[in-house]
Structure formats: structure tokens, C-alpha cells
Protein backbone atom coordinates (compact mmCIF):
# COMPACT_ATOMS: atom_id res chain seq x y z
CA MET A 1 122.83 240.93 48.57
CA ALA A 2 123.74 237.81 46.63
CA ALA A 3 120.90 236.10 44.83
CA ALA A 4 119.64 232.72 46.02
CA PRO A 5 120.97 229.78 43.99
CA PRO A 6 118.58 228.63 41.26
CA SER A 7 117.35 225.07 41.21
CA VAL A 8 117.70 222.64 38.32
CA SER A 9 116.49 219.11 37.67
CA ALA A 10 118.04 216.23 35.78
CA ASP A 11 115.29 216.60 33.16
CA GLN A 12 116.23 220.23 32.54
CA LEU A 13 119.89 219.33 32.08
CA GLU A 14 118.97 216.46 29.77
CA ASP A 15 116.89 218.90 27.69
CA ALA A 16 119.89 221.26 27.57
CA LEU A 17 122.17 218.49 26.38
CA ARG A 18 119.72 217.25 23.75
CA ALA A 19 119.35 220.82 22.49
CA ALA A 20 123.14 221.10 22.24
CA ILE A 21 123.31 217.86 20.26
CA ALA A 22 120.57 219.05 17.89
CA GLN A 23 122.43 222.34 17.29
CA GLY A 24 125.72 220.60 16.61
CA ASP A 25 127.26 221.66 19.92
CA GLY A 26 127.32 218.15 21.33
CA PRO A 27 128.74 214.84 20.14
CA GLY A 28 128.59 214.42 16.40
CA ARG A 29 127.92 211.28 14.44
CA ASP A 30 131.51 210.14 14.64
CA PRO A 31 131.79 206.34 14.88
CA ILE A 32 133.33 204.69 17.94
CA CYS A 33 136.45 202.89 16.73
CA VAL A 34 139.64 201.08 17.66
CA ALA A 35 142.92 202.19 16.09
CA ASN A 36 145.65 199.96 17.46
CA GLY A 37 148.15 199.70 14.62
CA LEU A 38 146.55 197.07 12.41
CA ALA A 39 145.49 198.04 8.91
CA TYR A 40 142.03 196.38 8.77
CA ASP A 41 142.24 196.93 5.02
CA GLY A 42 141.04 193.61 3.67
CA GLN A 43 144.50 191.99 3.53
CA PRO A 44 145.38 188.86 5.53
CA VAL A 45 147.02 189.49 8.89
CA ASN A 46 150.13 187.45 9.73
CA VAL A 47 151.00 187.11 13.42
CA GLN A 48 154.06 185.38 14.89
CA LEU A 49 153.13 182.66 17.35
CA GLY A 50 155.08 184.37 20.10
CA ASN A 51 152.95 187.52 19.89
CA THR A 52 150.29 186.39 22.36
CA GLY A 53 148.59 189.77 22.69
CA THR A 54 147.95 190.17 18.97
CA LEU A 55 146.95 186.52 18.66
CA ALA A 56 144.31 186.97 21.39
CA TRP A 57 142.99 190.08 19.64
CA MET A 58 142.79 188.38 16.25
CA ASP A 59 141.09 185.36 17.82
CA ALA A 60 138.44 187.75 19.19
CA LEU A 61 137.97 189.22 15.71
CA ALA A 62 137.62 185.70 14.33
CA ALA A 63 134.96 185.00 16.98
CA ALA A 64 133.20 188.15 15.77
CA GLY A 65 133.15 186.79 12.22
CA LEU A 66 135.40 189.55 10.87
CA TYR A 67 138.30 187.20 10.09
CA ALA A 68 138.52 183.49 9.44
CA PRO A 69 140.15 181.43 12.22
CA GLY A 70 143.93 181.62 12.01
CA GLU A 71 145.89 179.02 10.08
CA GLU A 72 149.46 178.21 11.03
CA ALA A 73 152.28 178.00 8.51
CA PRO A 74 156.02 178.84 8.28
CA SER A 75 156.73 182.40 7.20
CA GLY A 76 159.29 181.29 4.62
CA GLY A 77 162.78 182.64 4.01
CA VAL A 78 166.11 181.78 5.64
CA ALA A 79 165.01 182.65 9.19
CA SER A 80 161.60 181.06 8.86
CA GLN A 81 159.29 181.46 11.87
CA ALA A 82 155.90 179.94 12.49
CA ILE A 83 153.05 182.40 11.93
CA ARG A 84 149.27 182.35 12.09
CA THR A 85 147.40 183.92 9.20
CA TYR A 86 143.94 185.44 9.57
CA SER A 87 142.01 186.09 6.36
CA PRO A 88 139.36 188.85 6.31
CA ARG A 89 135.71 188.01 5.86
CA PRO A 90 133.19 190.22 4.01
CA ALA A 91 131.71 191.60 7.27
CA LEU A 92 134.99 193.42 7.96
CA ALA A 93 134.38 195.92 5.15
CA ASP A 94 131.23 197.26 6.86
CA TRP A 95 133.12 198.29 10.01
CA SER A 96 136.68 199.11 8.95
CA GLY A 97 138.64 201.71 7.02
CA ALA A 98 141.57 204.15 7.34
CA ARG A 99 143.37 201.85 9.80
CA HIS A 100 140.52 201.62 12.28
CA LEU A 101 137.84 199.13 13.24
CA CYS A 102 134.55 200.49 14.54
CA VAL A 103 132.03 199.05 16.99
CA ALA A 104 129.15 201.54 16.56
CA ARG A 105 127.88 204.26 14.24
CA GLY A 106 127.89 206.84 17.05
CA VAL A 107 126.64 207.49 20.57
CA LYS A 108 123.26 208.35 22.04
CA LEU A 109 122.29 210.01 25.28
CA GLU A 110 120.66 207.72 27.81
CA ALA A 111 120.24 209.91 30.89
CA VAL A 112 121.45 212.77 33.05
CA ARG A 113 121.56 211.89 36.73
CA ARG A 114 123.14 212.67 40.11
CA VAL A 115 122.84 216.43 39.80
CA GLY A 116 125.07 218.26 42.23
CA THR A 117 124.54 221.53 44.07
CA VAL A 118 124.26 224.71 42.02
CA GLN A 119 127.22 226.96 42.76
CA SER A 120 129.26 229.71 41.20
CA MET A 121 131.49 228.31 38.44
CA ARG A 122 133.88 230.05 36.07
CA PHE A 123 133.90 229.66 32.32
CA ARG A 124 136.31 231.61 30.10
CA GLY A 125 137.09 233.91 33.01
CA GLN A 126 133.47 234.75 33.84
CA ALA A 127 131.30 233.52 36.71
CA TYR A 128 128.05 231.67 36.05
CA PRO A 129 125.71 229.63 38.20
CA GLY A 130 126.75 226.10 37.36
CA VAL A 131 126.26 222.50 38.34
CA VAL A 132 127.97 219.17 37.82
CA ALA A 133 125.98 216.09 36.81
CA GLU A 134 126.59 212.60 35.48
CA VAL A 135 125.81 212.00 31.82
CA VAL A 136 125.25 208.43 30.64
CA TRP A 137 125.87 207.51 26.99
CA THR A 138 125.30 204.26 25.11
CA LEU A 139 126.42 203.01 21.73
CA ASP A 140 124.15 203.95 18.84
CA GLY A 141 123.94 201.39 16.04
CA PRO A 142 126.34 198.90 17.67
CA ALA A 143 127.86 196.08 15.67
CA PRO A 144 125.80 192.90 16.07
CA TRP A 145 128.83 190.80 16.96
CA LEU A 146 129.32 192.82 20.17
CA ARG A 147 126.60 190.63 21.68
CA ALA A 148 129.18 187.88 22.16
CA PRO A 149 130.60 188.40 25.68
CA GLU A 150 134.19 187.49 24.78
CA VAL A 151 134.14 189.85 21.79
CA ALA A 152 132.66 192.70 23.86
CA ALA A 153 135.29 192.21 26.55
CA ALA A 154 138.12 192.30 24.01
CA PHE A 155 136.85 195.53 22.44
CA GLY A 156 136.20 197.09 25.84
CA ALA A 157 139.90 196.69 26.62
CA GLU A 158 141.02 198.13 23.27
CA LEU A 159 138.74 201.15 22.86
CA PRO A 160 140.43 204.46 23.70
CA SER A 161 138.88 206.99 26.07
CA TRP A 162 136.05 209.08 24.66
CA ARG A 163 135.86 212.70 25.85
CA GLY A 164 137.73 211.90 29.03
CA ALA A 165 135.93 208.68 29.97
CA ARG A 166 136.16 205.03 29.02
CA TRP A 167 133.50 202.69 27.72
CA GLU A 168 132.54 199.82 29.99
CA VAL A 169 130.66 196.60 29.29
CA THR A 170 127.91 196.17 31.90
CA PRO A 171 125.10 193.60 32.28
CA GLU A 172 122.80 196.25 30.76
CA GLY A 173 125.07 196.80 27.78
CA TRP A 174 127.74 199.34 26.84
CA ARG A 175 127.80 202.43 29.07
CA LEU A 176 129.98 205.49 29.38
CA VAL A 177 129.48 207.79 32.37
CA GLN A 178 130.90 211.32 32.33
CA ARG A 179 130.94 214.11 34.87
CA ARG A 180 129.94 217.24 32.97
CA ASN A 181 129.51 220.91 33.82
CA PHE A 182 126.33 222.81 32.96
CA PHE A 183 125.97 226.60 33.14
CA LEU A 184 123.03 228.96 33.53
CA SER A 185 123.20 231.85 31.04
CA GLY A 186 120.26 234.19 31.44
CA THR A 187 117.34 231.80 31.94
CA GLN A 188 118.85 228.96 29.92
CA TRP A 189 120.90 226.00 31.08
CA LEU A 190 123.70 225.25 28.61
CA THR A 191 126.52 222.81 28.11
CA SER A 192 130.04 224.22 27.91
CA GLU A 193 129.92 223.76 24.11
CA SER A 194 126.70 225.75 23.80
CA LEU A 195 127.96 228.43 26.16
CA GLU A 196 131.06 228.76 24.00
CA ARG A 197 128.82 229.42 21.01
CA VAL A 198 126.79 232.10 22.77
CA ALA A 199 129.82 233.64 24.49
CA GLY A 200 129.28 237.30 25.00
CA ALA A 201 125.94 236.89 26.75
CA THR A 202 125.96 238.76 30.06
CA PRO A 203 126.38 236.36 32.97
CA ARG A 204 123.81 236.39 35.73
CA ALA A 205 124.80 237.64 39.15
CA THR A 206 126.68 235.14 41.26
CA PHE A 207 125.28 233.99 44.59
CA ALA A 208 126.59 232.89 47.93
CA PRO A 209 127.21 229.12 48.24
């Protein structure tokens, strides 16, 4: 007969995820950054007045105190066009480098919630008892200028997805909500990263849904 499905709580899954992070199987200390084509290398940025998207972005960076407000001037040359020049401020150096601009030193786990029903799930061709739950992350060590609503909104639109989800600016702050799979190996609940590391452990018997 198939075994009865085991039970699991949000606290157990949060413990499993924190253990994975501590062992290096979860998110590392990689900063959360924007890489949208600008150099962010300490040189002035010249933007043509017709480039409204880049102008809006640079105005947001000026509001953050990373660049001085733009100054308009002709570009020079035979086909001179009006440009706006943004000069970097010292604060830029603390958050930029290698053609990216960062908003936080990393991420931190806030909660695991909305745990689904335990059911048979496959991982690397083998069946395990598994469950899907929501994982909520927040920014760890965020840049102080993100407190300005217009700056936060601009960065929220520019940040790329992170592990399949996108950062959102909420009234409670920056949040990222993921749907993640957890697996029971032996008596231990594991993330997919941790299960990959201990691959070779004998899966428990599956059970009827």
C-alpha cells in the first residue's frame, strides 16, 4: 500500500531554506544590480535631448544623488545637436562597477508561506514527496537613496528578473515572491539545490495523492 503523505509546515520549509543558504546551496551574496548599457564608470554621461527614456533614467539617478542634475549644451561638430550632460557624484563609486549599478548588497529571506499539498514530485528522474510554497525575499543592505519613491519606481522598472521572478516596490518595501519546490529526502526537507548536492540518497516511497 502507498504510504500516507507526510505533513510539513511553513516553519520547516523556512528552516530548510535557511540551512541551504548557510551551506552555500541557496542565494549567494551577489549584489542586486541594473545593467542597461550605461558604463557607470565615473565619466560624465551625455544624452541627446530626444532620448526621453535615457533622460528620465538619468534624472532619477540625479534625484538619487548619484549624478549632478543635467546641464544642456551643444554637442559640437558640424552636425551639432543639443545634449544634456550628467556628471557623476562621489556616491556613485560605492554602488557601481563593471558596467552595472547596484541597489543592494544581496538578498535576505523574509518568510515561507502558502504551503501547498504534499504530493509526489520528480527530481532528476526520481520521485520524492514534494511541496510547492511561496518564498518571500527582501533586499539586504539596500542603497539609502531607494527610500525616495520616484527613485525606487525607476529602479523597479529597470531591474532584471531574479531567479525567475521580478522585484516589486510595495508599501512595505522591496519584495520578491517566488514559487519554489521543496523535496523530502529521508527525513529531511530540502531545496532543489540541496537535493542536487545530496543526489544519490535513496528516495522515500511515493504515496497516493
